[in-house]
């Protein structure tokens, strides 16, 4: 088999595994059994351990995979959504889903504060410009107020998601939808 094809297959398999792990983490948290991730991905547990020897390795890989997916989603949504405001709202929805999977990360990495800080820096570096571009596009079209900074919005969304961690009846998505709706410019 051609080495390029082999590498492409390995990348696809790893992406499938990371997507499955993310879905399981959303549903059951980062402490979900590896067998659940393997079943969702359609692979054996040995395959997961071959790619990610420890749970922390898997969590970090899912985190980075989702950050990259979010970074790519912003421009894609701007290109396909009918309005920049809708692109922003859909991207923020994906950001909320990401934050749900991220909740257990700090606990999983508590022994590696420097590693956690490195990941947080990576998160800010990759996602802040995407959020800023979405805000700028929507403000440029007169759809939202222009005085909201990307970091402020991302922190606000993050803070609204915190309640979901300890209260199953808390609907973070609903609260974030209210926040995004509040960005709209209204006729005076």
N, C-alpha and C. Protein backbone atom coordinates (compact mmCIF):
# COMPACT_ATOMS: atom_id res chain seq x y z
N UNK A 1 0.85 -1.18 0.00
CA UNK A 1 0.00 0.00 0.00
C UNK A 1 0.89 1.24 0.00
N UNK A 2 0.50 2.22 -0.76
CA UNK A 2 1.20 3.49 -0.87
C UNK A 2 1.27 4.16 0.51
N UNK A 3 2.44 4.72 0.86
CA UNK A 3 2.64 5.34 2.18
C UNK A 3 1.69 6.52 2.39
N UNK A 4 1.43 7.33 1.33
CA UNK A 4 0.50 8.47 1.46
C UNK A 4 -0.91 7.99 1.78
N UNK A 5 -1.34 6.92 1.10
CA UNK A 5 -2.68 6.37 1.35
C UNK A 5 -2.75 5.84 2.78
N UNK A 6 -1.67 5.16 3.20
CA UNK A 6 -1.62 4.62 4.55
C UNK A 6 -1.73 5.75 5.58
N UNK A 7 -0.97 6.84 5.36
CA UNK A 7 -1.03 7.96 6.29
C UNK A 7 -2.40 8.61 6.29
N UNK A 8 -3.01 8.75 5.12
CA UNK A 8 -4.36 9.34 5.03
C UNK A 8 -5.35 8.47 5.79
N UNK A 9 -5.24 7.15 5.63
CA UNK A 9 -6.12 6.23 6.36
C UNK A 9 -5.91 6.36 7.86
N UNK A 10 -4.67 6.44 8.29
CA UNK A 10 -4.37 6.57 9.72
C UNK A 10 -4.93 7.88 10.26
N UNK A 11 -4.81 8.97 9.49
CA UNK A 11 -5.37 10.26 9.92
C UNK A 11 -6.89 10.18 10.03
N UNK A 12 -7.53 9.57 9.04
CA UNK A 12 -9.00 9.42 9.08
C UNK A 12 -9.42 8.58 10.27
N UNK A 13 -8.71 7.49 10.52
CA UNK A 13 -9.03 6.64 11.67
C UNK A 13 -8.87 7.40 12.98
N UNK A 14 -7.80 8.18 13.08
CA UNK A 14 -7.59 8.96 14.30
C UNK A 14 -8.68 10.02 14.45
N UNK A 15 -9.08 10.67 13.35
CA UNK A 15 -10.15 11.67 13.42
C UNK A 15 -11.47 11.02 13.83
N UNK A 16 -11.77 9.84 13.31
CA UNK A 16 -12.98 9.11 13.68
C UNK A 16 -12.95 8.81 15.18
N UNK A 17 -11.81 8.37 15.65
CA UNK A 17 -11.65 8.05 17.06
C UNK A 17 -11.82 9.31 17.93
N UNK A 18 -11.23 10.43 17.51
CA UNK A 18 -11.34 11.67 18.28
C UNK A 18 -12.77 12.21 18.26
N UNK A 19 -13.45 12.09 17.12
CA UNK A 19 -14.85 12.52 17.05
C UNK A 19 -15.71 11.67 17.99
N UNK A 20 -15.46 10.37 17.98
CA UNK A 20 -16.22 9.47 18.86
C UNK A 20 -15.94 9.79 20.33
N UNK A 21 -14.68 10.02 20.67
CA UNK A 21 -14.33 10.35 22.05
C UNK A 21 -15.00 11.65 22.48
N UNK A 22 -15.00 12.64 21.59
CA UNK A 22 -15.65 13.92 21.91
C UNK A 22 -17.13 13.72 22.18
N UNK A 23 -17.79 12.92 21.34
CA UNK A 23 -19.23 12.67 21.52
C UNK A 23 -19.50 11.96 22.84
N UNK A 24 -18.66 11.00 23.18
CA UNK A 24 -18.83 10.27 24.45
C UNK A 24 -18.54 11.21 25.62
N UNK A 25 -17.53 12.07 25.50
CA UNK A 25 -17.22 13.01 26.57
C UNK A 25 -18.37 13.99 26.78
N UNK A 26 -19.01 14.43 25.70
CA UNK A 26 -20.16 15.33 25.83
C UNK A 26 -21.28 14.63 26.59
N UNK A 27 -21.53 13.37 26.24
CA UNK A 27 -22.64 12.64 26.85
C UNK A 27 -22.35 12.18 28.28
N UNK A 28 -21.09 11.77 28.53
CA UNK A 28 -20.81 11.12 29.82
C UNK A 28 -19.63 11.71 30.58
N UNK A 29 -19.00 12.74 30.07
CA UNK A 29 -17.85 13.34 30.73
C UNK A 29 -16.55 12.65 30.37
N UNK A 30 -15.44 13.29 30.76
CA UNK A 30 -14.13 12.77 30.36
C UNK A 30 -13.72 11.50 31.10
N UNK A 31 -14.48 11.11 32.11
CA UNK A 31 -14.19 9.87 32.82
C UNK A 31 -14.97 8.69 32.22
N UNK A 32 -15.61 8.89 31.07
CA UNK A 32 -16.37 7.81 30.43
C UNK A 32 -15.45 6.62 30.15
N UNK A 33 -15.99 5.42 30.22
CA UNK A 33 -15.17 4.22 29.96
C UNK A 33 -14.61 4.22 28.53
N UNK A 34 -13.37 3.80 28.42
CA UNK A 34 -12.72 3.72 27.11
C UNK A 34 -13.49 2.76 26.20
N UNK A 35 -14.10 1.73 26.76
CA UNK A 35 -14.86 0.77 25.94
C UNK A 35 -16.03 1.48 25.23
N UNK A 36 -16.61 2.51 25.87
CA UNK A 36 -17.70 3.27 25.24
C UNK A 36 -17.17 4.04 24.04
N UNK A 37 -15.98 4.60 24.18
CA UNK A 37 -15.37 5.34 23.07
C UNK A 37 -15.03 4.37 21.94
N UNK A 38 -14.47 3.23 22.29
CA UNK A 38 -14.11 2.23 21.27
C UNK A 38 -15.36 1.77 20.52
N UNK A 39 -16.44 1.52 21.24
CA UNK A 39 -17.68 1.09 20.60
C UNK A 39 -18.22 2.17 19.66
N UNK A 40 -18.21 3.42 20.11
CA UNK A 40 -18.70 4.52 19.29
C UNK A 40 -17.85 4.69 18.03
N UNK A 41 -16.53 4.48 18.15
CA UNK A 41 -15.62 4.63 17.02
C UNK A 41 -15.58 3.39 16.13
N UNK A 42 -16.11 2.28 16.65
CA UNK A 42 -16.07 1.04 15.87
C UNK A 42 -14.68 0.43 15.81
N UNK A 43 -13.91 0.60 16.89
CA UNK A 43 -12.56 0.04 16.96
C UNK A 43 -12.41 -0.73 18.26
N UNK A 44 -11.33 -1.48 18.35
CA UNK A 44 -11.02 -2.18 19.59
C UNK A 44 -10.35 -1.25 20.57
N UNK A 45 -10.38 -1.62 21.84
CA UNK A 45 -9.76 -0.78 22.86
C UNK A 45 -8.25 -0.68 22.64
N UNK A 46 -7.66 -1.73 22.09
CA UNK A 46 -6.22 -1.70 21.80
C UNK A 46 -5.86 -0.60 20.83
N UNK A 47 -6.74 -0.32 19.89
CA UNK A 47 -6.49 0.76 18.92
C UNK A 47 -6.42 2.10 19.63
N UNK A 48 -7.32 2.30 20.57
CA UNK A 48 -7.30 3.57 21.32
C UNK A 48 -6.00 3.68 22.10
N UNK A 49 -5.62 2.62 22.81
CA UNK A 49 -4.41 2.68 23.62
C UNK A 49 -3.15 2.78 22.76
N UNK A 50 -3.19 2.26 21.55
CA UNK A 50 -2.05 2.38 20.65
C UNK A 50 -1.84 3.85 20.25
N UNK A 51 -2.94 4.56 20.00
CA UNK A 51 -2.86 5.98 19.63
C UNK A 51 -2.67 6.87 20.84
N UNK A 52 -3.33 6.52 21.95
CA UNK A 52 -3.35 7.37 23.15
C UNK A 52 -3.13 6.50 24.38
N UNK A 53 -1.87 6.34 24.79
CA UNK A 53 -1.56 5.42 25.89
C UNK A 53 -2.23 5.75 27.22
N UNK A 54 -2.54 7.03 27.46
CA UNK A 54 -3.18 7.40 28.71
C UNK A 54 -4.46 8.18 28.43
N UNK A 55 -5.33 8.23 29.41
CA UNK A 55 -6.57 9.03 29.28
C UNK A 55 -6.22 10.50 29.04
N UNK A 56 -5.20 11.00 29.72
CA UNK A 56 -4.80 12.39 29.53
C UNK A 56 -4.38 12.64 28.08
N UNK A 57 -3.66 11.68 27.47
CA UNK A 57 -3.27 11.82 26.07
C UNK A 57 -4.50 11.93 25.17
N UNK A 58 -5.51 11.12 25.45
CA UNK A 58 -6.74 11.13 24.67
C UNK A 58 -7.49 12.45 24.87
N UNK A 59 -7.59 12.90 26.10
CA UNK A 59 -8.31 14.14 26.39
C UNK A 59 -7.63 15.33 25.70
N UNK A 60 -6.31 15.38 25.78
CA UNK A 60 -5.57 16.47 25.13
C UNK A 60 -5.77 16.42 23.62
N UNK A 61 -5.72 15.23 23.05
CA UNK A 61 -5.91 15.09 21.60
C UNK A 61 -7.32 15.52 21.19
N UNK A 62 -8.33 15.14 21.97
CA UNK A 62 -9.71 15.57 21.68
C UNK A 62 -9.80 17.09 21.77
N UNK A 63 -9.21 17.64 22.79
CA UNK A 63 -9.22 19.10 23.00
C UNK A 63 -8.61 19.80 21.78
N UNK A 64 -7.43 19.39 21.37
CA UNK A 64 -6.76 20.02 20.22
C UNK A 64 -7.56 19.81 18.93
N UNK A 65 -8.11 18.62 18.77
CA UNK A 65 -8.92 18.30 17.58
C UNK A 65 -10.14 19.23 17.51
N UNK A 66 -10.78 19.43 18.65
CA UNK A 66 -11.96 20.29 18.67
C UNK A 66 -11.59 21.76 18.48
N UNK A 67 -10.48 22.18 19.02
CA UNK A 67 -10.04 23.57 18.80
C UNK A 67 -9.81 23.78 17.30
N UNK A 68 -9.15 22.85 16.66
CA UNK A 68 -8.90 22.98 15.21
C UNK A 68 -10.21 22.96 14.42
N UNK A 69 -11.15 22.12 14.82
CA UNK A 69 -12.45 22.08 14.13
C UNK A 69 -13.18 23.41 14.31
N UNK A 70 -13.12 23.98 15.50
CA UNK A 70 -13.76 25.28 15.75
C UNK A 70 -13.07 26.38 14.95
N UNK A 71 -11.77 26.33 14.88
CA UNK A 71 -11.03 27.34 14.12
C UNK A 71 -11.41 27.28 12.64
N UNK A 72 -11.60 26.08 12.12
CA UNK A 72 -11.99 25.94 10.71
C UNK A 72 -13.47 26.27 10.49
N UNK A 73 -14.29 26.06 11.50
CA UNK A 73 -15.73 26.27 11.36
C UNK A 73 -16.10 27.74 11.16
N UNK A 74 -15.38 28.65 11.79
CA UNK A 74 -15.72 30.07 11.67
C UNK A 74 -15.76 30.55 10.22
N UNK A 75 -14.67 30.43 9.48
CA UNK A 75 -14.68 30.85 8.08
C UNK A 75 -15.67 30.06 7.23
N UNK A 76 -15.81 28.77 7.53
CA UNK A 76 -16.77 27.95 6.77
C UNK A 76 -18.19 28.45 6.98
N UNK A 77 -18.54 28.76 8.21
CA UNK A 77 -19.89 29.26 8.50
C UNK A 77 -20.12 30.63 7.87
N UNK A 78 -19.12 31.48 7.89
CA UNK A 78 -19.26 32.79 7.23
C UNK A 78 -19.53 32.62 5.74
N UNK A 79 -18.95 31.59 5.16
CA UNK A 79 -19.13 31.34 3.73
C UNK A 79 -20.43 30.66 3.37
N UNK A 80 -21.09 30.02 4.33
CA UNK A 80 -22.28 29.24 4.00
C UNK A 80 -23.58 29.73 4.65
N UNK A 81 -23.48 30.47 5.74
CA UNK A 81 -24.70 30.95 6.41
C UNK A 81 -25.26 32.16 5.68
N UNK A 82 -26.58 32.33 5.74
CA UNK A 82 -27.19 33.46 5.05
C UNK A 82 -26.75 34.83 5.58
N UNK A 83 -26.40 34.91 6.89
CA UNK A 83 -25.97 36.18 7.47
C UNK A 83 -24.79 35.95 8.39
N UNK A 84 -23.96 36.98 8.58
CA UNK A 84 -22.87 36.85 9.55
C UNK A 84 -23.38 36.61 10.98
N UNK A 85 -24.53 37.17 11.34
CA UNK A 85 -25.07 36.93 12.69
C UNK A 85 -25.40 35.45 12.86
N UNK A 86 -25.99 34.83 11.85
CA UNK A 86 -26.29 33.40 11.95
C UNK A 86 -25.00 32.60 12.04
N UNK A 87 -23.97 32.99 11.27
CA UNK A 87 -22.68 32.31 11.36
C UNK A 87 -22.11 32.42 12.77
N UNK A 88 -22.19 33.61 13.36
CA UNK A 88 -21.72 33.81 14.73
C UNK A 88 -22.50 32.94 15.71
N UNK A 89 -23.83 32.96 15.59
CA UNK A 89 -24.67 32.18 16.50
C UNK A 89 -24.38 30.68 16.39
N UNK A 90 -24.20 30.20 15.18
CA UNK A 90 -23.92 28.76 15.00
C UNK A 90 -22.53 28.42 15.52
N UNK A 91 -21.56 29.31 15.31
CA UNK A 91 -20.21 29.06 15.82
C UNK A 91 -20.22 29.05 17.34
N UNK A 92 -20.92 29.99 17.93
CA UNK A 92 -21.01 30.03 19.40
C UNK A 92 -21.68 28.74 19.91
N UNK A 93 -22.67 28.23 19.19
CA UNK A 93 -23.28 26.95 19.57
C UNK A 93 -22.25 25.83 19.58
N UNK A 94 -21.39 25.81 18.57
CA UNK A 94 -20.33 24.80 18.53
C UNK A 94 -19.32 25.03 19.67
N UNK A 95 -19.07 26.28 19.98
CA UNK A 95 -18.18 26.63 21.09
C UNK A 95 -18.74 26.11 22.41
N UNK A 96 -20.04 26.24 22.60
CA UNK A 96 -20.69 25.72 23.81
C UNK A 96 -20.49 24.20 23.88
N UNK A 97 -20.71 23.50 22.77
CA UNK A 97 -20.49 22.05 22.77
C UNK A 97 -19.05 21.71 23.15
N UNK A 98 -18.11 22.49 22.62
CA UNK A 98 -16.71 22.29 22.96
C UNK A 98 -16.48 22.47 24.46
N UNK A 99 -17.07 23.52 25.02
CA UNK A 99 -16.87 23.79 26.44
C UNK A 99 -17.39 22.65 27.31
N UNK A 100 -18.45 22.00 26.87
CA UNK A 100 -18.98 20.86 27.62
C UNK A 100 -17.93 19.75 27.70
N UNK A 101 -17.23 19.49 26.61
CA UNK A 101 -16.22 18.43 26.63
C UNK A 101 -14.99 18.86 27.40
N UNK A 102 -14.76 20.16 27.53
CA UNK A 102 -13.57 20.68 28.17
C UNK A 102 -13.67 20.65 29.70
N UNK A 103 -14.88 20.53 30.25
CA UNK A 103 -15.05 20.66 31.70
C UNK A 103 -14.15 19.73 32.51
N UNK A 104 -13.94 18.52 32.08
CA UNK A 104 -13.12 17.60 32.86
C UNK A 104 -11.64 17.71 32.60
N UNK A 105 -11.26 18.57 31.68
CA UNK A 105 -9.85 18.66 31.30
C UNK A 105 -8.97 19.08 32.47
N UNK A 106 -9.36 20.10 33.19
CA UNK A 106 -8.53 20.60 34.30
C UNK A 106 -8.28 19.50 35.33
N UNK A 107 -9.32 18.76 35.65
CA UNK A 107 -9.16 17.68 36.63
C UNK A 107 -8.24 16.59 36.09
N UNK A 108 -8.37 16.28 34.81
CA UNK A 108 -7.55 15.23 34.22
C UNK A 108 -6.08 15.63 34.16
N UNK A 109 -5.82 16.93 34.09
CA UNK A 109 -4.45 17.40 33.95
C UNK A 109 -3.94 18.12 35.20
N UNK A 110 -4.64 17.97 36.32
CA UNK A 110 -4.30 18.78 37.50
C UNK A 110 -2.84 18.62 37.92
N UNK A 111 -2.22 17.51 37.63
CA UNK A 111 -0.82 17.33 38.02
C UNK A 111 0.14 18.02 37.06
N UNK A 112 -0.39 18.56 35.97
CA UNK A 112 0.46 19.19 34.95
C UNK A 112 -0.05 20.60 34.66
N UNK A 113 0.11 21.51 35.63
CA UNK A 113 -0.39 22.88 35.48
C UNK A 113 0.23 23.57 34.27
N UNK A 114 1.52 23.35 34.03
CA UNK A 114 2.18 23.98 32.88
C UNK A 114 1.56 23.48 31.57
N UNK A 115 1.26 22.19 31.51
CA UNK A 115 0.62 21.63 30.31
C UNK A 115 -0.76 22.21 30.10
N UNK A 116 -1.50 22.38 31.18
CA UNK A 116 -2.83 22.97 31.09
C UNK A 116 -2.75 24.41 30.60
N UNK A 117 -1.80 25.17 31.13
CA UNK A 117 -1.64 26.57 30.70
C UNK A 117 -1.23 26.64 29.23
N UNK A 118 -0.41 25.71 28.78
CA UNK A 118 -0.03 25.66 27.36
C UNK A 118 -1.26 25.42 26.50
N UNK A 119 -2.12 24.50 26.91
CA UNK A 119 -3.35 24.23 26.14
C UNK A 119 -4.27 25.44 26.14
N UNK A 120 -4.37 26.12 27.26
CA UNK A 120 -5.23 27.31 27.31
C UNK A 120 -4.69 28.39 26.37
N UNK A 121 -3.38 28.57 26.34
CA UNK A 121 -2.77 29.52 25.42
C UNK A 121 -3.05 29.16 23.97
N UNK A 122 -2.97 27.88 23.66
CA UNK A 122 -3.28 27.38 22.31
C UNK A 122 -4.74 27.67 21.97
N UNK A 123 -5.63 27.43 22.90
CA UNK A 123 -7.06 27.69 22.74
C UNK A 123 -7.29 29.16 22.40
N UNK A 124 -6.71 30.06 23.16
CA UNK A 124 -6.88 31.50 22.93
C UNK A 124 -6.28 31.90 21.59
N UNK A 125 -5.08 31.43 21.32
CA UNK A 125 -4.38 31.78 20.08
C UNK A 125 -5.17 31.36 18.84
N UNK A 126 -5.79 30.20 18.88
CA UNK A 126 -6.51 29.67 17.71
C UNK A 126 -7.93 30.23 17.59
N UNK A 127 -8.64 30.40 18.72
CA UNK A 127 -10.06 30.73 18.65
C UNK A 127 -10.39 32.21 18.77
N UNK A 128 -9.58 32.96 19.45
CA UNK A 128 -9.87 34.39 19.61
C UNK A 128 -9.96 35.11 18.25
N UNK A 129 -9.03 34.88 17.32
CA UNK A 129 -9.16 35.55 16.02
C UNK A 129 -10.40 35.12 15.24
N UNK A 130 -10.81 33.88 15.38
CA UNK A 130 -12.01 33.39 14.68
C UNK A 130 -13.25 34.10 15.21
N UNK A 131 -13.36 34.16 16.53
CA UNK A 131 -14.49 34.86 17.15
C UNK A 131 -14.48 36.33 16.76
N UNK A 132 -13.30 36.95 16.75
CA UNK A 132 -13.18 38.37 16.38
C UNK A 132 -13.63 38.58 14.93
N UNK A 133 -13.25 37.68 14.04
CA UNK A 133 -13.67 37.81 12.64
C UNK A 133 -15.19 37.70 12.50
N UNK A 134 -15.78 36.77 13.23
CA UNK A 134 -17.24 36.61 13.18
C UNK A 134 -17.94 37.85 13.73
N UNK A 135 -17.46 38.37 14.85
CA UNK A 135 -18.04 39.59 15.42
C UNK A 135 -17.89 40.76 14.46
N UNK A 136 -16.71 40.90 13.88
CA UNK A 136 -16.45 42.00 12.95
C UNK A 136 -17.38 41.91 11.73
N UNK A 137 -17.56 40.71 11.19
CA UNK A 137 -18.43 40.53 10.02
C UNK A 137 -19.87 40.90 10.36
N UNK A 138 -20.36 40.43 11.50
CA UNK A 138 -21.75 40.72 11.88
C UNK A 138 -21.93 42.21 12.18
N UNK A 139 -20.96 42.82 12.85
CA UNK A 139 -21.03 44.25 13.14
C UNK A 139 -20.93 45.06 11.85
N UNK A 140 -20.08 44.62 10.94
CA UNK A 140 -19.91 45.30 9.65
C UNK A 140 -21.17 45.31 8.82
N UNK A 141 -22.02 44.33 9.02
CA UNK A 141 -23.30 44.25 8.32
C UNK A 141 -24.42 44.91 9.13
N UNK A 142 -24.06 45.55 10.23
CA UNK A 142 -25.04 46.24 11.06
C UNK A 142 -25.99 45.32 11.80
N UNK A 143 -25.60 44.05 11.98
CA UNK A 143 -26.47 43.07 12.62
C UNK A 143 -26.30 43.00 14.13
N UNK A 144 -25.12 43.35 14.60
CA UNK A 144 -24.87 43.33 16.05
C UNK A 144 -24.16 44.62 16.45
N UNK A 145 -24.18 44.89 17.72
CA UNK A 145 -23.46 46.05 18.24
C UNK A 145 -21.97 45.84 18.02
N UNK A 146 -21.26 46.92 17.81
CA UNK A 146 -19.84 46.84 17.44
C UNK A 146 -18.88 46.95 18.62
N UNK A 147 -19.39 47.12 19.82
CA UNK A 147 -18.51 47.37 20.96
C UNK A 147 -18.17 46.13 21.78
N UNK A 148 -18.49 44.95 21.30
CA UNK A 148 -18.20 43.72 22.04
C UNK A 148 -16.89 43.11 21.53
N UNK A 149 -16.00 42.85 22.46
CA UNK A 149 -14.71 42.27 22.13
C UNK A 149 -14.82 40.74 22.16
N UNK A 150 -14.04 40.09 21.32
CA UNK A 150 -14.09 38.63 21.21
C UNK A 150 -13.78 37.95 22.55
N UNK A 151 -12.75 38.40 23.25
CA UNK A 151 -12.39 37.76 24.52
C UNK A 151 -13.51 37.93 25.55
N UNK A 152 -14.15 39.09 25.56
CA UNK A 152 -15.26 39.32 26.48
C UNK A 152 -16.41 38.37 26.17
N UNK A 153 -16.74 38.22 24.90
CA UNK A 153 -17.83 37.30 24.52
C UNK A 153 -17.47 35.86 24.88
N UNK A 154 -16.26 35.44 24.57
CA UNK A 154 -15.87 34.07 24.87
C UNK A 154 -15.88 33.79 26.38
N UNK A 155 -15.43 34.76 27.16
CA UNK A 155 -15.47 34.59 28.62
C UNK A 155 -16.91 34.53 29.11
N UNK A 156 -17.77 35.39 28.55
CA UNK A 156 -19.18 35.38 28.94
C UNK A 156 -19.83 34.04 28.64
N UNK A 157 -19.57 33.52 27.45
CA UNK A 157 -20.12 32.20 27.08
C UNK A 157 -19.58 31.14 28.03
N UNK A 158 -18.28 31.19 28.29
CA UNK A 158 -17.68 30.22 29.20
C UNK A 158 -18.30 30.27 30.58
N UNK A 159 -18.51 31.48 31.08
CA UNK A 159 -19.13 31.62 32.40
C UNK A 159 -20.56 31.11 32.42
N UNK A 160 -21.29 31.32 31.34
CA UNK A 160 -22.67 30.81 31.27
C UNK A 160 -22.70 29.28 31.21
N UNK A 161 -21.64 28.68 30.75
CA UNK A 161 -21.59 27.21 30.65
C UNK A 161 -21.22 26.54 31.97
N UNK A 162 -20.65 27.28 32.89
CA UNK A 162 -20.19 26.70 34.15
C UNK A 162 -21.33 26.04 34.93
N UNK A 163 -22.51 26.66 34.95
CA UNK A 163 -23.63 26.12 35.72
C UNK A 163 -24.05 24.72 35.29
N UNK A 164 -23.83 24.37 34.02
CA UNK A 164 -24.23 23.06 33.51
C UNK A 164 -23.40 21.94 34.11
N UNK A 165 -22.23 22.28 34.62
CA UNK A 165 -21.33 21.27 35.16
C UNK A 165 -21.87 20.61 36.41
N UNK A 166 -22.62 21.38 37.22
CA UNK A 166 -23.09 20.85 38.50
C UNK A 166 -24.60 20.75 38.61
N UNK A 167 -25.33 21.22 37.60
CA UNK A 167 -26.79 21.23 37.66
C UNK A 167 -27.37 20.72 36.35
N UNK A 168 -27.88 19.49 36.37
CA UNK A 168 -28.42 18.89 35.14
C UNK A 168 -29.61 19.66 34.57
N UNK A 169 -30.30 20.42 35.40
CA UNK A 169 -31.47 21.16 34.91
C UNK A 169 -31.08 22.51 34.29
N UNK A 170 -29.84 22.91 34.45
CA UNK A 170 -29.37 24.18 33.90
C UNK A 170 -29.16 24.05 32.40
N UNK A 171 -29.71 24.97 31.65
CA UNK A 171 -29.62 24.91 30.19
C UNK A 171 -28.67 26.01 29.70
N UNK A 172 -27.40 25.67 29.61
CA UNK A 172 -26.39 26.64 29.17
C UNK A 172 -26.68 27.15 27.77
N UNK A 173 -27.12 26.27 26.90
CA UNK A 173 -27.40 26.67 25.51
C UNK A 173 -28.47 27.77 25.49
N UNK A 174 -29.50 27.63 26.29
CA UNK A 174 -30.57 28.64 26.32
C UNK A 174 -30.02 29.98 26.80
N UNK A 175 -29.19 29.96 27.82
CA UNK A 175 -28.62 31.21 28.34
C UNK A 175 -27.69 31.86 27.31
N UNK A 176 -26.91 31.05 26.61
CA UNK A 176 -26.02 31.58 25.58
C UNK A 176 -26.83 32.14 24.42
N UNK A 177 -27.94 31.49 24.07
CA UNK A 177 -28.81 32.02 23.02
C UNK A 177 -29.34 33.41 23.39
N UNK A 178 -29.68 33.60 24.67
CA UNK A 178 -30.13 34.91 25.14
C UNK A 178 -29.00 35.94 24.98
N UNK A 179 -27.80 35.55 25.34
CA UNK A 179 -26.64 36.43 25.20
C UNK A 179 -26.44 36.84 23.74
N UNK A 180 -26.46 35.87 22.84
CA UNK A 180 -26.24 36.16 21.41
C UNK A 180 -27.36 37.02 20.86
N UNK A 181 -28.58 36.75 21.26
CA UNK A 181 -29.72 37.57 20.81
C UNK A 181 -29.54 39.01 21.31
N UNK A 182 -28.96 39.18 22.49
CA UNK A 182 -28.74 40.51 23.05
C UNK A 182 -27.69 41.32 22.31
N UNK A 183 -26.91 40.70 21.46
CA UNK A 183 -25.93 41.42 20.66
C UNK A 183 -26.57 42.16 19.48
N UNK A 184 -27.77 41.73 19.10
CA UNK A 184 -28.44 42.31 17.93
C UNK A 184 -28.65 43.80 18.07
N UNK A 185 -28.51 44.48 16.96
CA UNK A 185 -28.80 45.91 16.89
C UNK A 185 -30.30 46.04 16.72
N UNK A 186 -30.91 46.87 17.55
CA UNK A 186 -32.35 47.08 17.42
C UNK A 186 -32.61 48.48 16.88
N UNK A 187 -33.69 48.63 16.16
CA UNK A 187 -34.06 49.93 15.60
C UNK A 187 -34.46 50.87 16.74
N UNK A 188 -34.00 52.08 16.66
CA UNK A 188 -34.30 53.06 17.73
C UNK A 188 -35.66 53.68 17.54
